[in-house]
Amino acid sequence: MQPPLGQPNPPSASPERKNNTLLWVLLGCGGMFVALAALTVAGLLAFMFLGDREEQASDPSPDTSSSQAVSPKSGEPETVGDTHLAYSEARGEDPDHDYVVRARYEDESGGGFEIGIENDTGRTFEEDTAGLMNRQDIGPWVCGTQYEMNVCMADDERGRVLLVPLDTDADLSTIAAWGEEFMEQLK
């Protein structure tokens, strides 16, 4: 027997059973979202750690904190000014690379210069220096800004020399002076 309209169920009658389907669907979706987020974070962390290891393994630069001497590959001087040879690579006549010699000189603070000697007969010195912004001629060096870095270039019988300071804000005259000393000592 049903209670009259507008009257609540008597205490002995069972309450209507609520449908919990929506609650379970929302809980399931939330759980899947949390699991997906955890997997994404784990994947990103794994990628970062594995990517860092691969980068360290492929980086040819030696650990400059060690006292091992680097042997010059193409007659580079061991020291230039207050910098020492930290990396040297001779690539020979490799058509896949613009520069046939590459070296890095560092000082005690980690500053210094990277050097490339190009031997590309398909390009002229004027073509290489045409893109320099704020161009200045300092002795045999043509200096300026390229890719937001101050650089200097010179043409030599051994090839076209490019100096890139490790300190991107290095003064052009400082770069050219270091380059002049490097060229005097180059064998």
C-alpha atoms as a PDB file:
ATOM      1  CA  MET A   1       0.000   0.000   0.000  1.00  0.00           C
ATOM      2  CA  GLN A   2       1.283   3.408  -0.965  1.00  0.00           C
ATOM      3  CA  PRO A   3       1.256   6.388   1.353  1.00  0.00           C
ATOM      4  CA  PRO A   4      -1.004   9.225   0.370  1.00  0.00           C
ATOM      5  CA  LEU A   5       0.399  11.748  -2.043  1.00  0.00           C
ATOM      6  CA  GLY A   6       2.827  14.244  -0.513  1.00  0.00           C
ATOM      7  CA  GLN A   7       3.530  11.973   2.461  1.00  0.00           C
ATOM      8  CA  PRO A   8       7.016  10.517   2.989  1.00  0.00           C
ATOM      9  CA  ASN A   9       7.501   6.783   3.009  1.00  0.00           C
ATOM     10  CA  PRO A  10       6.886   5.212   6.359  1.00  0.00           C
ATOM     11  CA  PRO A  11      10.047   4.154   8.216  1.00  0.00           C
ATOM     12  CA  SER A  12       9.395   0.507   7.484  1.00  0.00           C
ATOM     13  CA  ALA A  13       9.369   1.059   3.710  1.00  0.00           C
ATOM     14  CA  SER A  14      12.734   0.720   1.864  1.00  0.00           C
ATOM     15  CA  PRO A  15      14.118   3.975   0.376  1.00  0.00           C
ATOM     16  CA  GLU A  16      14.420   4.269  -3.363  1.00  0.00           C
ATOM     17  CA  ARG A  17      17.721   2.942  -4.610  1.00  0.00           C
ATOM     18  CA  LYS A  18      19.896   5.677  -6.240  1.00  0.00           C
ATOM     19  CA  ASN A  19      21.595   5.054  -9.565  1.00  0.00           C
ATOM     20  CA  ASN A  20      25.419   5.364  -9.056  1.00  0.00           C
ATOM     21  CA  THR A  21      26.398   4.882 -12.709  1.00  0.00           C
ATOM     22  CA  LEU A  22      27.430   8.514 -13.193  1.00  0.00           C
ATOM     23  CA  LEU A  23      29.585   8.392 -10.048  1.00  0.00           C
ATOM     24  CA  TRP A  24      31.409   5.261 -11.252  1.00  0.00           C
ATOM     25  CA  VAL A  25      31.961   6.694 -14.737  1.00  0.00           C
ATOM     26  CA  LEU A  26      33.444   9.897 -13.295  1.00  0.00           C
ATOM     27  CA  LEU A  27      35.682   7.965 -10.891  1.00  0.00           C
ATOM     28  CA  GLY A  28      36.878   5.732 -13.733  1.00  0.00           C
ATOM     29  CA  CYS A  29      37.671   8.695 -15.989  1.00  0.00           C
ATOM     30  CA  GLY A  30      39.481  10.472 -13.162  1.00  0.00           C
ATOM     31  CA  GLY A  31      41.547   7.379 -12.412  1.00  0.00           C
ATOM     32  CA  MET A  32      42.469   6.993 -16.062  1.00  0.00           C
ATOM     33  CA  PHE A  33      43.451  10.667 -16.219  1.00  0.00           C
ATOM     34  CA  VAL A  34      45.717  10.295 -13.157  1.00  0.00           C
ATOM     35  CA  ALA A  35      47.319   7.145 -14.632  1.00  0.00           C
ATOM     36  CA  LEU A  36      47.875   8.872 -17.991  1.00  0.00           C
ATOM     37  CA  ALA A  37      49.426  11.906 -16.292  1.00  0.00           C
ATOM     38  CA  ALA A  38      51.760   9.654 -14.265  1.00  0.00           C
ATOM     39  CA  LEU A  39      52.847   7.795 -17.407  1.00  0.00           C
ATOM     40  CA  THR A  40      53.448  11.080 -19.227  1.00  0.00           C
ATOM     41  CA  VAL A  41      55.594  12.437 -16.389  1.00  0.00           C
ATOM     42  CA  ALA A  42      57.541   9.160 -16.198  1.00  0.00           C
ATOM     43  CA  GLY A  43      58.094   9.226 -19.970  1.00  0.00           C
ATOM     44  CA  LEU A  44      59.312  12.827 -19.914  1.00  0.00           C
ATOM     45  CA  LEU A  45      61.707  12.111 -17.054  1.00  0.00           C
ATOM     46  CA  ALA A  46      63.070   9.036 -18.841  1.00  0.00           C
ATOM     47  CA  PHE A  47      63.504  11.038 -22.058  1.00  0.00           C
ATOM     48  CA  MET A  48      65.346  13.815 -20.215  1.00  0.00           C
ATOM     49  CA  PHE A  49      67.708  11.440 -18.423  1.00  0.00           C
ATOM     50  CA  LEU A  50      68.383   9.249 -21.462  1.00  0.00           C
ATOM     51  CA  GLY A  51      68.729  12.278 -23.733  1.00  0.00           C
ATOM     52  CA  ASP A  52      71.271  13.791 -21.341  1.00  0.00           C
ATOM     53  CA  ARG A  53      73.329  10.585 -21.360  1.00  0.00           C
ATOM     54  CA  GLU A  54      73.310  10.421 -25.162  1.00  0.00           C
ATOM     55  CA  GLU A  55      74.325  14.081 -25.360  1.00  0.00           C
ATOM     56  CA  GLN A  56      77.205  13.495 -22.954  1.00  0.00           C
ATOM     57  CA  ALA A  57      78.325  10.433 -24.909  1.00  0.00           C
ATOM     58  CA  SER A  58      78.237  12.261 -28.250  1.00  0.00           C
ATOM     59  CA  ASP A  59      79.872  15.459 -26.968  1.00  0.00           C
ATOM     60  CA  PRO A  60      83.469  15.408 -28.220  1.00  0.00           C
ATOM     61  CA  SER A  61      84.581  18.116 -25.790  1.00  0.00           C
ATOM     62  CA  PRO A  62      86.761  16.729 -23.044  1.00  0.00           C
ATOM     63  CA  ASP A  63      86.289  17.414 -19.379  1.00  0.00           C
ATOM     64  CA  THR A  64      88.237  20.623 -18.931  1.00  0.00           C
ATOM     65  CA  SER A  65      88.504  20.118 -15.188  1.00  0.00           C
ATOM     66  CA  SER A  66      91.082  17.377 -15.735  1.00  0.00           C
ATOM     67  CA  SER A  67      94.725  18.192 -16.264  1.00  0.00           C
ATOM     68  CA  GLN A  68      95.141  16.018 -19.365  1.00  0.00           C
ATOM     69  CA  ALA A  69      96.952  17.758 -22.182  1.00  0.00           C
ATOM     70  CA  VAL A  70      95.259  17.831 -25.563  1.00  0.00           C
ATOM     71  CA  SER A  71      97.544  17.100 -28.473  1.00  0.00           C
ATOM     72  CA  PRO A  72      97.180  19.475 -31.410  1.00  0.00           C
ATOM     73  CA  LYS A  73      95.863  17.757 -34.543  1.00  0.00           C
ATOM     74  CA  SER A  74      96.905  20.352 -37.110  1.00  0.00           C
ATOM     75  CA  GLY A  75      99.733  22.390 -35.652  1.00  0.00           C
ATOM     76  CA  GLU A  76      97.693  24.519 -33.249  1.00  0.00           C
ATOM     77  CA  PRO A  77      99.730  26.093 -30.444  1.00  0.00           C
ATOM     78  CA  GLU A  78      99.308  24.579 -26.966  1.00  0.00           C
ATOM     79  CA  THR A  79      98.618  28.016 -25.452  1.00  0.00           C
ATOM     80  CA  VAL A  80      97.594  31.398 -26.794  1.00  0.00           C
ATOM     81  CA  GLY A  81      97.690  34.250 -24.303  1.00  0.00           C
ATOM     82  CA  ASP A  82      96.062  33.008 -21.113  1.00  0.00           C
ATOM     83  CA  THR A  83      94.122  30.255 -22.925  1.00  0.00           C
ATOM     84  CA  HIS A  84      95.129  26.613 -23.379  1.00  0.00           C
ATOM     85  CA  LEU A  85      94.164  24.105 -26.050  1.00  0.00           C
ATOM     86  CA  ALA A  86      91.172  22.166 -24.696  1.00  0.00           C
ATOM     87  CA  TYR A  87      90.000  20.420 -27.880  1.00  0.00           C
ATOM     88  CA  SER A  88      91.517  19.795 -31.288  1.00  0.00           C
ATOM     89  CA  GLU A  89      90.105  18.031 -34.316  1.00  0.00           C
ATOM     90  CA  ALA A  90      91.478  17.704 -37.821  1.00  0.00           C
ATOM     91  CA  ARG A  91      88.811  16.715 -40.298  1.00  0.00           C
ATOM     92  CA  GLY A  92      90.938  16.726 -43.443  1.00  0.00           C
ATOM     93  CA  GLU A  93      89.235  17.334 -46.758  1.00  0.00           C
ATOM     94  CA  ASP A  94      85.757  16.319 -45.622  1.00  0.00           C
ATOM     95  CA  PRO A  95      83.098  17.691 -48.006  1.00  0.00           C
ATOM     96  CA  ASP A  96      80.400  17.217 -45.354  1.00  0.00           C
ATOM     97  CA  HIS A  97      81.972  19.827 -43.069  1.00  0.00           C
ATOM     98  CA  ASP A  98      82.805  23.446 -43.813  1.00  0.00           C
ATOM     99  CA  TYR A  99      85.792  23.604 -41.513  1.00  0.00           C
ATOM    100  CA  VAL A 100      88.736  21.225 -41.888  1.00  0.00           C
ATOM    101  CA  VAL A 101      90.272  22.124 -38.519  1.00  0.00           C
ATOM    102  CA  ARG A 102      88.400  22.858 -35.354  1.00  0.00           C
ATOM    103  CA  ALA A 103      89.880  23.715 -31.970  1.00  0.00           C
ATOM    104  CA  ARG A 104      88.800  25.161 -28.660  1.00  0.00           C
ATOM    105  CA  TYR A 105      90.939  27.252 -26.342  1.00  0.00           C
ATOM    106  CA  GLU A 106      89.798  27.935 -22.777  1.00  0.00           C
ATOM    107  CA  ASP A 107      91.042  30.031 -19.900  1.00  0.00           C
ATOM    108  CA  GLU A 108      90.729  29.376 -16.157  1.00  0.00           C
ATOM    109  CA  SER A 109      87.243  30.905 -15.975  1.00  0.00           C
ATOM    110  CA  GLY A 110      85.859  28.766 -18.815  1.00  0.00           C
ATOM    111  CA  GLY A 111      86.011  31.576 -21.348  1.00  0.00           C
ATOM    112  CA  GLY A 112      88.005  31.354 -24.532  1.00  0.00           C
ATOM    113  CA  PHE A 113      87.566  30.804 -28.252  1.00  0.00           C
ATOM    114  CA  GLU A 114      86.527  28.218 -30.797  1.00  0.00           C
ATOM    115  CA  ILE A 115      88.388  28.219 -34.087  1.00  0.00           C
ATOM    116  CA  GLY A 116      87.495  26.840 -37.465  1.00  0.00           C
ATOM    117  CA  ILE A 117      89.737  26.859 -40.522  1.00  0.00           C
ATOM    118  CA  GLU A 118      87.651  26.526 -43.658  1.00  0.00           C
ATOM    119  CA  ASN A 119      88.981  25.283 -46.951  1.00  0.00           C
ATOM    120  CA  ASP A 120      85.895  25.607 -49.149  1.00  0.00           C
ATOM    121  CA  THR A 121      86.922  26.663 -52.638  1.00  0.00           C
ATOM    122  CA  GLY A 122      83.259  27.117 -53.553  1.00  0.00           C
ATOM    123  CA  ARG A 123      82.868  30.180 -51.323  1.00  0.00           C
ATOM    124  CA  THR A 124      84.803  33.399 -51.235  1.00  0.00           C
ATOM    125  CA  PHE A 125      85.910  35.328 -48.185  1.00  0.00           C
ATOM    126  CA  GLU A 126      83.640  38.172 -49.253  1.00  0.00           C
ATOM    127  CA  GLU A 127      80.646  35.809 -49.324  1.00  0.00           C
ATOM    128  CA  ASP A 128      81.418  34.617 -45.800  1.00  0.00           C
ATOM    129  CA  THR A 129      81.813  38.122 -44.390  1.00  0.00           C
ATOM    130  CA  ALA A 130      78.891  39.688 -46.277  1.00  0.00           C
ATOM    131  CA  GLY A 131      76.388  38.624 -43.620  1.00  0.00           C
ATOM    132  CA  LEU A 132      78.227  40.256 -40.722  1.00  0.00           C
ATOM    133  CA  MET A 133      76.323  43.019 -38.971  1.00  0.00           C
ATOM    134  CA  ASN A 134      78.232  46.025 -37.517  1.00  0.00           C
ATOM    135  CA  ARG A 135      81.238  45.052 -39.611  1.00  0.00           C
ATOM    136  CA  GLN A 136      84.671  46.322 -38.560  1.00  0.00           C
ATOM    137  CA  ASP A 137      88.036  45.699 -40.215  1.00  0.00           C
ATOM    138  CA  ILE A 138      90.697  45.197 -37.541  1.00  0.00           C
ATOM    139  CA  GLY A 139      94.052  44.435 -39.164  1.00  0.00           C
ATOM    140  CA  PRO A 140      93.630  41.293 -41.264  1.00  0.00           C
ATOM    141  CA  TRP A 141      90.437  40.435 -39.394  1.00  0.00           C
ATOM    142  CA  VAL A 142      86.913  41.245 -40.515  1.00  0.00           C
ATOM    143  CA  CYS A 143      84.740  41.249 -37.413  1.00  0.00           C
ATOM    144  CA  GLY A 144      81.076  41.732 -36.710  1.00  0.00           C
ATOM    145  CA  THR A 145      77.935  40.163 -35.327  1.00  0.00           C
ATOM    146  CA  GLN A 146      76.604  36.929 -36.769  1.00  0.00           C
ATOM    147  CA  TYR A 147      73.776  34.887 -35.210  1.00  0.00           C
ATOM    148  CA  GLU A 148      73.780  37.287 -32.221  1.00  0.00           C
ATOM    149  CA  MET A 149      77.482  36.600 -31.511  1.00  0.00           C
ATOM    150  CA  ASN A 150      80.553  38.688 -32.120  1.00  0.00           C
ATOM    151  CA  VAL A 151      82.923  36.836 -34.469  1.00  0.00           C
ATOM    152  CA  CYS A 152      86.057  37.558 -36.486  1.00  0.00           C
ATOM    153  CA  MET A 153      87.252  36.056 -39.779  1.00  0.00           C
ATOM    154  CA  ALA A 154      90.526  36.251 -41.656  1.00  0.00           C
ATOM    155  CA  ASP A 155      91.737  34.792 -44.936  1.00  0.00           C
ATOM    156  CA  ASP A 156      95.062  32.967 -44.670  1.00  0.00           C
ATOM    157  CA  GLU A 157      97.087  30.716 -46.980  1.00  0.00           C
ATOM    158  CA  ARG A 158      95.960  27.792 -44.802  1.00  0.00           C
ATOM    159  CA  GLY A 159      92.311  28.654 -45.263  1.00  0.00           C
ATOM    160  CA  ARG A 160      89.647  30.963 -43.928  1.00  0.00           C
ATOM    161  CA  VAL A 161      89.879  31.324 -40.155  1.00  0.00           C
ATOM    162  CA  LEU A 162      86.737  31.849 -38.083  1.00  0.00           C
ATOM    163  CA  LEU A 163      87.009  32.838 -34.420  1.00  0.00           C
ATOM    164  CA  VAL A 164      83.978  32.429 -32.182  1.00  0.00           C
ATOM    165  CA  PRO A 165      84.393  33.524 -28.563  1.00  0.00           C
ATOM    166  CA  LEU A 166      82.854  31.344 -25.861  1.00  0.00           C
ATOM    167  CA  ASP A 167      81.657  34.610 -24.298  1.00  0.00           C
ATOM    168  CA  THR A 168      79.075  35.781 -26.840  1.00  0.00           C
ATOM    169  CA  ASP A 169      79.465  39.418 -25.734  1.00  0.00           C
ATOM    170  CA  ALA A 170      83.241  39.536 -26.247  1.00  0.00           C
ATOM    171  CA  ASP A 171      84.604  42.785 -27.643  1.00  0.00           C
ATOM    172  CA  LEU A 172      85.570  42.660 -31.349  1.00  0.00           C
ATOM    173  CA  SER A 173      89.026  44.137 -30.747  1.00  0.00           C
ATOM    174  CA  THR A 174      89.689  41.512 -28.047  1.00  0.00           C
ATOM    175  CA  ILE A 175      88.695  38.732 -30.450  1.00  0.00           C
ATOM    176  CA  ALA A 176      90.915  40.134 -33.219  1.00  0.00           C
ATOM    177  CA  ALA A 177      93.896  40.595 -30.865  1.00  0.00           C
ATOM    178  CA  TRP A 178      93.603  37.003 -29.639  1.00  0.00           C
ATOM    179  CA  GLY A 179      93.255  35.817 -33.247  1.00  0.00           C
ATOM    180  CA  GLU A 180      96.375  37.721 -34.270  1.00  0.00           C
ATOM    181  CA  GLU A 181      98.367  36.019 -31.513  1.00  0.00           C
ATOM    182  CA  PHE A 182      96.912  32.643 -32.538  1.00  0.00           C
ATOM    183  CA  MET A 183      97.912  33.150 -36.186  1.00  0.00           C
ATOM    184  CA  GLU A 184     101.474  34.139 -35.204  1.00  0.00           C
ATOM    185  CA  GLN A 185     101.846  30.882 -33.258  1.00  0.00           C
ATOM    186  CA  LEU A 186     100.079  28.594 -35.758  1.00  0.00           C
ATOM    187  CA  LYS A 187     102.585  26.222 -37.339  1.00  0.00           C
END
